[in-house]
Each structure stands twice: as C-alpha cells, then as structure tokens.
Amino acid sequence: MNDLLDIQFVAYELSKEKYALKVSDVHEIIRMQQITPVHNSKQFLEGVINLRGKIIPVVNLHKRFDLGNYKVTKSTRIIVVESKGEMVGIIVDKVNHVIKFSDTQPPPDMVAGIDGEYFEGLGITSEGVVSLLKIDVVLYE
C-alpha cells in the first residue's frame, strides 16, 4: 500500500465525501457542460460531450454509487480520465487540489456505503481520510 505515498492525487468531493484519483489517470478537468443523453445505455452513463471534436462518454458517479441528492452547482466539474485506453468523463461535485498522502491503508469492506471493491485504499492526510477509487473497476465492472 505504501507505494502510493510517492504519487500525487487529484482530490475531489462527491456527496460531501472526499475521494482522489491518481494525477497520472487525469487527462483534464473541465466545467460542467451540456451533456447529450445516450438512449439504451447503462443507468449511470449520463451521456456524451464533444471535447474539442472528440466524443467522450460521461459517467455520473452519484448514479453509479446510488448516492441521492445530486444537483449541478457552479462547483460541479467533469474530470476527464484515461481508462483502458479510452477517455471518459466523470461528474464530481467539486475538485479540491493535488495532494500526497502521509499514509495509506487497505480499503475496508464498505466505504461511505459503497462496496470496498471499488477502492484501492484510503489515503491519510492532515485534513482527514480520502478514498482512492479504482477507476477501471468503477467504469467497467
């Protein structure tokens, strides 16, 4: 687990919980924009966006993890990640900053009501505990 200590992460929030993704997985962070729905798709696929001529699917993590109270605000962002060779956008409530962890722990069976299989572990910072998502598992399993 402690091989994660030398890596930088992008910290973000989802329903008041703190999460992070490896900086190396993040392609860019953009403001929320018009999303075109895709019919007959997975329930958590919000739709697609056109990012400089490239069509990118956008996943709503609130729907993916069955979190209620989803509302777009001026802080809402789309984090564009590269996963399994594809660009995918994920909707988050707020992007905080780039962080490193002083310690990491393996994930428990459940994290904030979400199955532990979706997490690489928990990162410890001076601000508290941050959940580290396994983005490939979240998007494709």
N, C-alpha and C. Protein backbone atom coordinates (compact mmCIF):
# COMPACT_ATOMS: atom_id res chain seq x y z
N MET A 1 0.82 -1.20 0.00
CA MET A 1 0.00 0.00 0.00
C MET A 1 0.86 1.26 0.00
N ASN A 2 2.00 1.25 0.66
CA ASN A 2 2.76 2.47 0.81
C ASN A 2 3.52 2.88 -0.44
N ASP A 3 3.38 2.11 -1.54
CA ASP A 3 3.92 2.57 -2.81
C ASP A 3 3.09 3.75 -3.33
N LEU A 4 1.94 4.02 -2.71
CA LEU A 4 1.10 5.15 -3.10
C LEU A 4 1.58 6.46 -2.48
N LEU A 5 2.53 6.41 -1.57
CA LEU A 5 2.96 7.62 -0.87
C LEU A 5 3.72 8.59 -1.76
N ASP A 6 4.38 8.10 -2.80
CA ASP A 6 5.16 8.97 -3.68
C ASP A 6 4.34 9.53 -4.84
N ILE A 7 3.07 9.18 -4.91
CA ILE A 7 2.22 9.55 -6.04
C ILE A 7 1.36 10.75 -5.68
N GLN A 8 1.14 11.65 -6.65
CA GLN A 8 0.24 12.78 -6.45
C GLN A 8 -1.17 12.37 -6.88
N PHE A 9 -2.15 12.89 -6.17
CA PHE A 9 -3.55 12.60 -6.43
C PHE A 9 -4.34 13.89 -6.59
N VAL A 10 -5.39 13.85 -7.41
CA VAL A 10 -6.35 14.95 -7.51
C VAL A 10 -7.48 14.63 -6.54
N ALA A 11 -7.66 15.51 -5.54
CA ALA A 11 -8.72 15.33 -4.55
C ALA A 11 -10.00 15.98 -5.04
N TYR A 12 -11.12 15.28 -4.84
CA TYR A 12 -12.43 15.83 -5.23
C TYR A 12 -13.49 15.37 -4.25
N GLU A 13 -14.68 15.95 -4.37
CA GLU A 13 -15.77 15.60 -3.46
C GLU A 13 -16.96 15.07 -4.23
N LEU A 14 -17.66 14.18 -3.55
CA LEU A 14 -18.87 13.56 -4.07
C LEU A 14 -19.79 13.36 -2.86
N SER A 15 -20.93 14.05 -2.85
CA SER A 15 -21.87 13.96 -1.72
C SER A 15 -21.16 14.16 -0.38
N LYS A 16 -20.36 15.19 -0.30
CA LYS A 16 -19.64 15.59 0.92
C LYS A 16 -18.55 14.62 1.38
N GLU A 17 -18.31 13.54 0.64
CA GLU A 17 -17.21 12.62 0.95
C GLU A 17 -16.01 13.00 0.10
N LYS A 18 -14.81 12.73 0.61
CA LYS A 18 -13.58 13.08 -0.11
C LYS A 18 -13.01 11.84 -0.82
N TYR A 19 -12.65 12.03 -2.09
CA TYR A 19 -12.10 10.96 -2.92
C TYR A 19 -10.87 11.51 -3.63
N ALA A 20 -10.11 10.60 -4.26
CA ALA A 20 -8.95 11.04 -5.03
C ALA A 20 -8.68 10.06 -6.17
N LEU A 21 -8.10 10.61 -7.23
CA LEU A 21 -7.64 9.84 -8.38
C LEU A 21 -6.17 10.17 -8.60
N LYS A 22 -5.43 9.20 -9.11
CA LYS A 22 -4.02 9.46 -9.42
C LYS A 22 -3.94 10.55 -10.50
N VAL A 23 -3.03 11.49 -10.30
CA VAL A 23 -2.83 12.55 -11.29
C VAL A 23 -2.54 11.95 -12.66
N SER A 24 -1.81 10.84 -12.69
CA SER A 24 -1.47 10.20 -13.97
C SER A 24 -2.69 9.67 -14.72
N ASP A 25 -3.81 9.43 -14.01
CA ASP A 25 -5.05 8.96 -14.66
C ASP A 25 -5.90 10.12 -15.20
N VAL A 26 -5.62 11.34 -14.73
CA VAL A 26 -6.44 12.51 -15.08
C VAL A 26 -5.88 13.18 -16.33
N HIS A 27 -6.74 13.29 -17.34
CA HIS A 27 -6.35 13.96 -18.59
C HIS A 27 -6.56 15.47 -18.45
N GLU A 28 -7.75 15.86 -17.98
CA GLU A 28 -8.03 17.26 -17.73
C GLU A 28 -9.29 17.39 -16.89
N ILE A 29 -9.50 18.58 -16.36
CA ILE A 29 -10.68 18.89 -15.56
C ILE A 29 -11.39 20.05 -16.24
N ILE A 30 -12.69 19.86 -16.51
CA ILE A 30 -13.45 20.89 -17.22
C ILE A 30 -14.71 21.25 -16.43
N ARG A 31 -15.24 22.42 -16.73
CA ARG A 31 -16.51 22.83 -16.12
C ARG A 31 -17.64 21.96 -16.68
N MET A 32 -18.70 21.88 -15.91
CA MET A 32 -19.88 21.14 -16.35
C MET A 32 -20.39 21.78 -17.63
N GLN A 33 -20.85 20.97 -18.57
CA GLN A 33 -21.37 21.47 -19.83
C GLN A 33 -22.56 20.63 -20.26
N GLN A 34 -23.15 21.04 -21.37
CA GLN A 34 -24.30 20.31 -21.91
C GLN A 34 -23.90 18.88 -22.24
N ILE A 35 -24.65 17.92 -21.70
CA ILE A 35 -24.39 16.50 -21.96
C ILE A 35 -25.53 15.95 -22.79
N THR A 36 -25.20 15.30 -23.90
CA THR A 36 -26.20 14.71 -24.77
C THR A 36 -26.51 13.29 -24.29
N PRO A 37 -27.79 13.02 -23.93
CA PRO A 37 -28.14 11.68 -23.44
C PRO A 37 -27.93 10.62 -24.52
N VAL A 38 -27.60 9.41 -24.07
CA VAL A 38 -27.46 8.27 -24.96
C VAL A 38 -28.51 7.25 -24.51
N HIS A 39 -29.43 6.93 -25.40
CA HIS A 39 -30.51 6.01 -25.04
C HIS A 39 -30.02 4.56 -25.00
N ASN A 40 -30.69 3.75 -24.21
CA ASN A 40 -30.37 2.33 -24.05
C ASN A 40 -28.94 2.12 -23.56
N SER A 41 -28.48 2.98 -22.68
CA SER A 41 -27.13 2.83 -22.12
C SER A 41 -27.26 2.48 -20.64
N LYS A 42 -26.12 2.26 -20.01
CA LYS A 42 -26.13 1.97 -18.58
C LYS A 42 -26.75 3.14 -17.83
N GLN A 43 -27.42 2.83 -16.74
CA GLN A 43 -28.16 3.82 -15.96
C GLN A 43 -27.25 4.96 -15.48
N PHE A 44 -25.97 4.66 -15.21
CA PHE A 44 -25.08 5.69 -14.68
C PHE A 44 -24.33 6.48 -15.77
N LEU A 45 -24.55 6.12 -17.06
CA LEU A 45 -23.95 6.90 -18.15
C LEU A 45 -24.84 8.11 -18.40
N GLU A 46 -24.34 9.27 -18.04
CA GLU A 46 -25.13 10.50 -18.17
C GLU A 46 -25.35 10.86 -19.63
N GLY A 47 -24.37 10.53 -20.49
CA GLY A 47 -24.45 10.85 -21.90
C GLY A 47 -23.06 11.07 -22.45
N VAL A 48 -22.97 11.91 -23.49
CA VAL A 48 -21.67 12.20 -24.11
C VAL A 48 -21.49 13.71 -24.26
N ILE A 49 -20.22 14.13 -24.31
CA ILE A 49 -19.89 15.51 -24.60
C ILE A 49 -18.94 15.55 -25.79
N ASN A 50 -18.87 16.71 -26.42
CA ASN A 50 -17.93 16.92 -27.51
C ASN A 50 -16.80 17.78 -26.94
N LEU A 51 -15.65 17.17 -26.76
CA LEU A 51 -14.50 17.87 -26.21
C LEU A 51 -13.49 18.10 -27.34
N ARG A 52 -13.51 19.32 -27.87
CA ARG A 52 -12.62 19.69 -28.99
C ARG A 52 -12.66 18.66 -30.13
N GLY A 53 -13.88 18.27 -30.52
CA GLY A 53 -14.04 17.38 -31.66
C GLY A 53 -14.01 15.90 -31.32
N LYS A 54 -13.76 15.56 -30.05
CA LYS A 54 -13.74 14.15 -29.65
C LYS A 54 -14.96 13.88 -28.77
N ILE A 55 -15.70 12.83 -29.11
CA ILE A 55 -16.89 12.45 -28.34
C ILE A 55 -16.44 11.62 -27.13
N ILE A 56 -16.84 12.07 -25.93
CA ILE A 56 -16.41 11.43 -24.70
C ILE A 56 -17.63 11.05 -23.87
N PRO A 57 -17.73 9.77 -23.45
CA PRO A 57 -18.83 9.39 -22.56
C PRO A 57 -18.62 10.01 -21.18
N VAL A 58 -19.74 10.35 -20.51
CA VAL A 58 -19.66 10.96 -19.18
C VAL A 58 -20.48 10.12 -18.21
N VAL A 59 -19.80 9.70 -17.13
CA VAL A 59 -20.41 8.85 -16.10
C VAL A 59 -20.78 9.72 -14.91
N ASN A 60 -21.98 9.49 -14.38
CA ASN A 60 -22.42 10.19 -13.18
C ASN A 60 -22.14 9.27 -11.98
N LEU A 61 -21.13 9.60 -11.18
CA LEU A 61 -20.77 8.75 -10.04
C LEU A 61 -21.86 8.71 -8.97
N HIS A 62 -22.69 9.76 -8.89
CA HIS A 62 -23.81 9.72 -7.95
C HIS A 62 -24.74 8.56 -8.30
N LYS A 63 -25.03 8.40 -9.59
CA LYS A 63 -25.89 7.30 -10.03
C LYS A 63 -25.15 5.97 -9.93
N ARG A 64 -23.87 5.96 -10.25
CA ARG A 64 -23.08 4.72 -10.21
C ARG A 64 -23.08 4.12 -8.82
N PHE A 65 -22.95 4.98 -7.80
CA PHE A 65 -22.88 4.51 -6.42
C PHE A 65 -24.21 4.66 -5.68
N ASP A 66 -25.27 4.99 -6.41
CA ASP A 66 -26.60 5.11 -5.82
C ASP A 66 -26.64 6.14 -4.70
N LEU A 67 -25.97 7.27 -4.93
CA LEU A 67 -25.98 8.37 -3.96
C LEU A 67 -27.09 9.32 -4.37
N GLY A 68 -27.93 9.69 -3.43
CA GLY A 68 -29.02 10.61 -3.76
C GLY A 68 -28.49 12.02 -3.86
N ASN A 69 -29.36 12.97 -3.70
CA ASN A 69 -29.10 14.41 -3.61
C ASN A 69 -28.11 14.96 -4.64
N TYR A 70 -28.16 14.49 -5.87
CA TYR A 70 -27.27 15.03 -6.91
C TYR A 70 -27.86 16.30 -7.48
N LYS A 71 -27.07 17.36 -7.49
CA LYS A 71 -27.50 18.63 -8.05
C LYS A 71 -26.29 19.32 -8.65
N VAL A 72 -26.42 19.81 -9.87
CA VAL A 72 -25.33 20.54 -10.51
C VAL A 72 -25.23 21.92 -9.87
N THR A 73 -24.00 22.30 -9.48
CA THR A 73 -23.76 23.63 -8.91
C THR A 73 -22.63 24.29 -9.72
N LYS A 74 -22.27 25.50 -9.35
CA LYS A 74 -21.17 26.15 -10.07
C LYS A 74 -19.84 25.47 -9.79
N SER A 75 -19.76 24.64 -8.75
CA SER A 75 -18.53 23.90 -8.43
C SER A 75 -18.44 22.56 -9.15
N THR A 76 -19.55 22.09 -9.73
CA THR A 76 -19.56 20.78 -10.40
C THR A 76 -18.55 20.77 -11.55
N ARG A 77 -17.79 19.70 -11.63
CA ARG A 77 -16.78 19.55 -12.68
C ARG A 77 -16.89 18.18 -13.33
N ILE A 78 -16.31 18.08 -14.51
CA ILE A 78 -16.13 16.78 -15.18
C ILE A 78 -14.63 16.53 -15.19
N ILE A 79 -14.23 15.43 -14.55
CA ILE A 79 -12.83 15.03 -14.59
C ILE A 79 -12.70 14.04 -15.75
N VAL A 80 -11.90 14.40 -16.74
CA VAL A 80 -11.69 13.52 -17.89
C VAL A 80 -10.50 12.63 -17.56
N VAL A 81 -10.76 11.32 -17.51
CA VAL A 81 -9.71 10.36 -17.17
C VAL A 81 -9.44 9.45 -18.36
N GLU A 82 -8.27 8.85 -18.35
CA GLU A 82 -7.97 7.83 -19.34
C GLU A 82 -8.07 6.49 -18.65
N SER A 83 -8.95 5.63 -19.15
CA SER A 83 -9.17 4.33 -18.56
C SER A 83 -9.29 3.30 -19.66
N LYS A 84 -8.46 2.28 -19.59
CA LYS A 84 -8.44 1.22 -20.59
C LYS A 84 -8.32 1.78 -22.00
N GLY A 85 -7.47 2.79 -22.15
CA GLY A 85 -7.20 3.37 -23.46
C GLY A 85 -8.27 4.31 -24.00
N GLU A 86 -9.30 4.59 -23.20
CA GLU A 86 -10.38 5.47 -23.63
C GLU A 86 -10.46 6.68 -22.73
N MET A 87 -10.92 7.79 -23.27
CA MET A 87 -11.20 8.98 -22.48
C MET A 87 -12.64 8.88 -21.98
N VAL A 88 -12.81 9.10 -20.67
CA VAL A 88 -14.14 9.05 -20.06
C VAL A 88 -14.24 10.21 -19.08
N GLY A 89 -15.37 10.88 -19.06
CA GLY A 89 -15.59 11.96 -18.10
C GLY A 89 -16.36 11.43 -16.89
N ILE A 90 -15.99 11.90 -15.71
CA ILE A 90 -16.77 11.56 -14.51
C ILE A 90 -17.21 12.86 -13.85
N ILE A 91 -18.49 12.91 -13.49
CA ILE A 91 -19.04 14.11 -12.86
C ILE A 91 -18.76 14.06 -11.36
N VAL A 92 -18.18 15.14 -10.84
CA VAL A 92 -17.93 15.26 -9.40
C VAL A 92 -18.49 16.59 -8.91
N ASP A 93 -18.74 16.67 -7.60
CA ASP A 93 -19.33 17.89 -7.04
C ASP A 93 -18.34 19.04 -7.00
N LYS A 94 -17.07 18.72 -6.76
CA LYS A 94 -16.08 19.77 -6.58
C LYS A 94 -14.69 19.16 -6.67
N VAL A 95 -13.77 19.84 -7.34
CA VAL A 95 -12.37 19.42 -7.34
C VAL A 95 -11.64 20.31 -6.35
N ASN A 96 -10.88 19.69 -5.44
CA ASN A 96 -10.21 20.45 -4.39
C ASN A 96 -8.80 20.86 -4.77
N HIS A 97 -7.85 19.92 -4.76
CA HIS A 97 -6.46 20.24 -5.04
C HIS A 97 -5.66 18.97 -5.25
N VAL A 98 -4.39 19.14 -5.58
CA VAL A 98 -3.49 17.99 -5.73
C VAL A 98 -2.88 17.70 -4.36
N ILE A 99 -2.87 16.42 -3.97
CA ILE A 99 -2.38 16.04 -2.65
C ILE A 99 -1.45 14.84 -2.73
N LYS A 100 -0.68 14.66 -1.69
CA LYS A 100 0.08 13.44 -1.44
C LYS A 100 -0.34 12.94 -0.06
N PHE A 101 -0.17 11.67 0.18
CA PHE A 101 -0.60 11.10 1.46
C PHE A 101 0.57 10.82 2.38
N SER A 102 0.34 11.01 3.68
CA SER A 102 1.35 10.68 4.68
C SER A 102 1.31 9.19 5.00
N ASP A 103 0.15 8.56 4.73
CA ASP A 103 0.00 7.12 4.97
C ASP A 103 -1.18 6.63 4.14
N THR A 104 -1.18 5.34 3.81
CA THR A 104 -2.32 4.73 3.13
C THR A 104 -2.66 3.42 3.82
N GLN A 105 -3.93 3.06 3.75
CA GLN A 105 -4.43 1.83 4.36
C GLN A 105 -5.23 1.07 3.32
N PRO A 106 -5.32 -0.27 3.46
CA PRO A 106 -6.18 -1.02 2.54
C PRO A 106 -7.64 -0.63 2.76
N PRO A 107 -8.48 -0.78 1.74
CA PRO A 107 -9.88 -0.37 1.90
C PRO A 107 -10.65 -1.34 2.80
N PRO A 108 -11.60 -0.82 3.59
CA PRO A 108 -12.49 -1.71 4.33
C PRO A 108 -13.52 -2.33 3.37
N ASP A 109 -14.39 -3.20 3.89
CA ASP A 109 -15.41 -3.84 3.05
C ASP A 109 -16.38 -2.82 2.46
N MET A 110 -16.65 -1.75 3.20
CA MET A 110 -17.54 -0.69 2.73
C MET A 110 -16.89 0.66 3.00
N VAL A 111 -17.02 1.60 2.05
CA VAL A 111 -16.52 2.95 2.23
C VAL A 111 -17.70 3.89 1.94
N ALA A 112 -18.16 4.62 2.95
CA ALA A 112 -19.28 5.55 2.79
C ALA A 112 -20.47 4.87 2.11
N GLY A 113 -20.73 3.62 2.47
CA GLY A 113 -21.87 2.89 1.92
C GLY A 113 -21.62 2.30 0.54
N ILE A 114 -20.39 2.38 0.04
CA ILE A 114 -20.04 1.87 -1.29
C ILE A 114 -19.13 0.66 -1.12
N ASP A 115 -19.36 -0.38 -1.91
CA ASP A 115 -18.58 -1.61 -1.83
C ASP A 115 -17.09 -1.33 -1.93
N GLY A 116 -16.31 -1.92 -1.02
CA GLY A 116 -14.87 -1.71 -0.97
C GLY A 116 -14.10 -2.14 -2.21
N GLU A 117 -14.71 -2.99 -3.05
CA GLU A 117 -14.01 -3.45 -4.27
C GLU A 117 -13.72 -2.30 -5.23
N TYR A 118 -14.42 -1.18 -5.09
CA TYR A 118 -14.21 -0.03 -5.97
C TYR A 118 -13.03 0.83 -5.54
N PHE A 119 -12.37 0.46 -4.43
CA PHE A 119 -11.33 1.31 -3.87
C PHE A 119 -9.98 0.63 -3.81
N GLU A 120 -8.96 1.42 -4.08
CA GLU A 120 -7.58 0.96 -3.99
C GLU A 120 -7.11 1.02 -2.54
N GLY A 121 -7.70 1.93 -1.80
CA GLY A 121 -7.33 2.09 -0.40
C GLY A 121 -7.83 3.42 0.13
N LEU A 122 -7.35 3.75 1.32
CA LEU A 122 -7.68 5.02 1.96
C LEU A 122 -6.39 5.79 2.17
N GLY A 123 -6.39 7.04 1.78
CA GLY A 123 -5.22 7.90 1.98
C GLY A 123 -5.41 8.76 3.21
N ILE A 124 -4.35 8.91 3.98
CA ILE A 124 -4.40 9.71 5.21
C ILE A 124 -3.69 11.04 4.95
N THR A 125 -4.40 12.15 5.23
CA THR A 125 -3.81 13.48 5.11
C THR A 125 -4.04 14.24 6.41
N SER A 126 -3.47 15.44 6.50
CA SER A 126 -3.70 16.27 7.68
C SER A 126 -5.16 16.70 7.76
N GLU A 127 -5.87 16.67 6.63
CA GLU A 127 -7.28 17.07 6.59
C GLU A 127 -8.22 15.90 6.85
N GLY A 128 -7.70 14.68 6.92
CA GLY A 128 -8.56 13.52 7.17
C GLY A 128 -8.30 12.39 6.19
N VAL A 129 -9.30 11.51 6.07
CA VAL A 129 -9.18 10.32 5.25
C VAL A 129 -9.80 10.57 3.87
N VAL A 130 -9.12 10.09 2.83
CA VAL A 130 -9.57 10.25 1.44
C VAL A 130 -9.64 8.87 0.80
N SER A 131 -10.75 8.57 0.14
CA SER A 131 -10.93 7.27 -0.52
C SER A 131 -10.32 7.31 -1.92
N LEU A 132 -9.53 6.27 -2.25
CA LEU A 132 -8.84 6.20 -3.55
C LEU A 132 -9.59 5.25 -4.47
N LEU A 133 -10.22 5.80 -5.49
CA LEU A 133 -11.03 4.99 -6.41
C LEU A 133 -10.16 4.18 -7.37
N LYS A 134 -10.59 2.95 -7.67
CA LYS A 134 -10.03 2.16 -8.77
C LYS A 134 -10.90 2.49 -9.97
N ILE A 135 -10.49 3.44 -10.76
CA ILE A 135 -11.35 3.99 -11.80
C ILE A 135 -11.75 2.94 -12.85
N ASP A 136 -10.84 2.02 -13.19
CA ASP A 136 -11.19 0.98 -14.17
C ASP A 136 -12.32 0.09 -13.66
N VAL A 137 -12.31 -0.23 -12.39
CA VAL A 137 -13.38 -1.07 -11.81
C VAL A 137 -14.69 -0.30 -11.76
N VAL A 138 -14.62 0.97 -11.38
CA VAL A 138 -15.82 1.82 -11.27
C VAL A 138 -16.49 1.93 -12.65
N LEU A 139 -15.71 2.13 -13.69
CA LEU A 139 -16.29 2.40 -15.01
C LEU A 139 -16.71 1.15 -15.76
N TYR A 140 -16.04 0.02 -15.53
CA TYR A 140 -16.27 -1.12 -16.43
C TYR A 140 -16.82 -2.37 -15.77
N GLU A 141 -16.99 -2.40 -14.45
CA GLU A 141 -17.46 -3.64 -13.84
C GLU A 141 -18.78 -3.48 -13.15
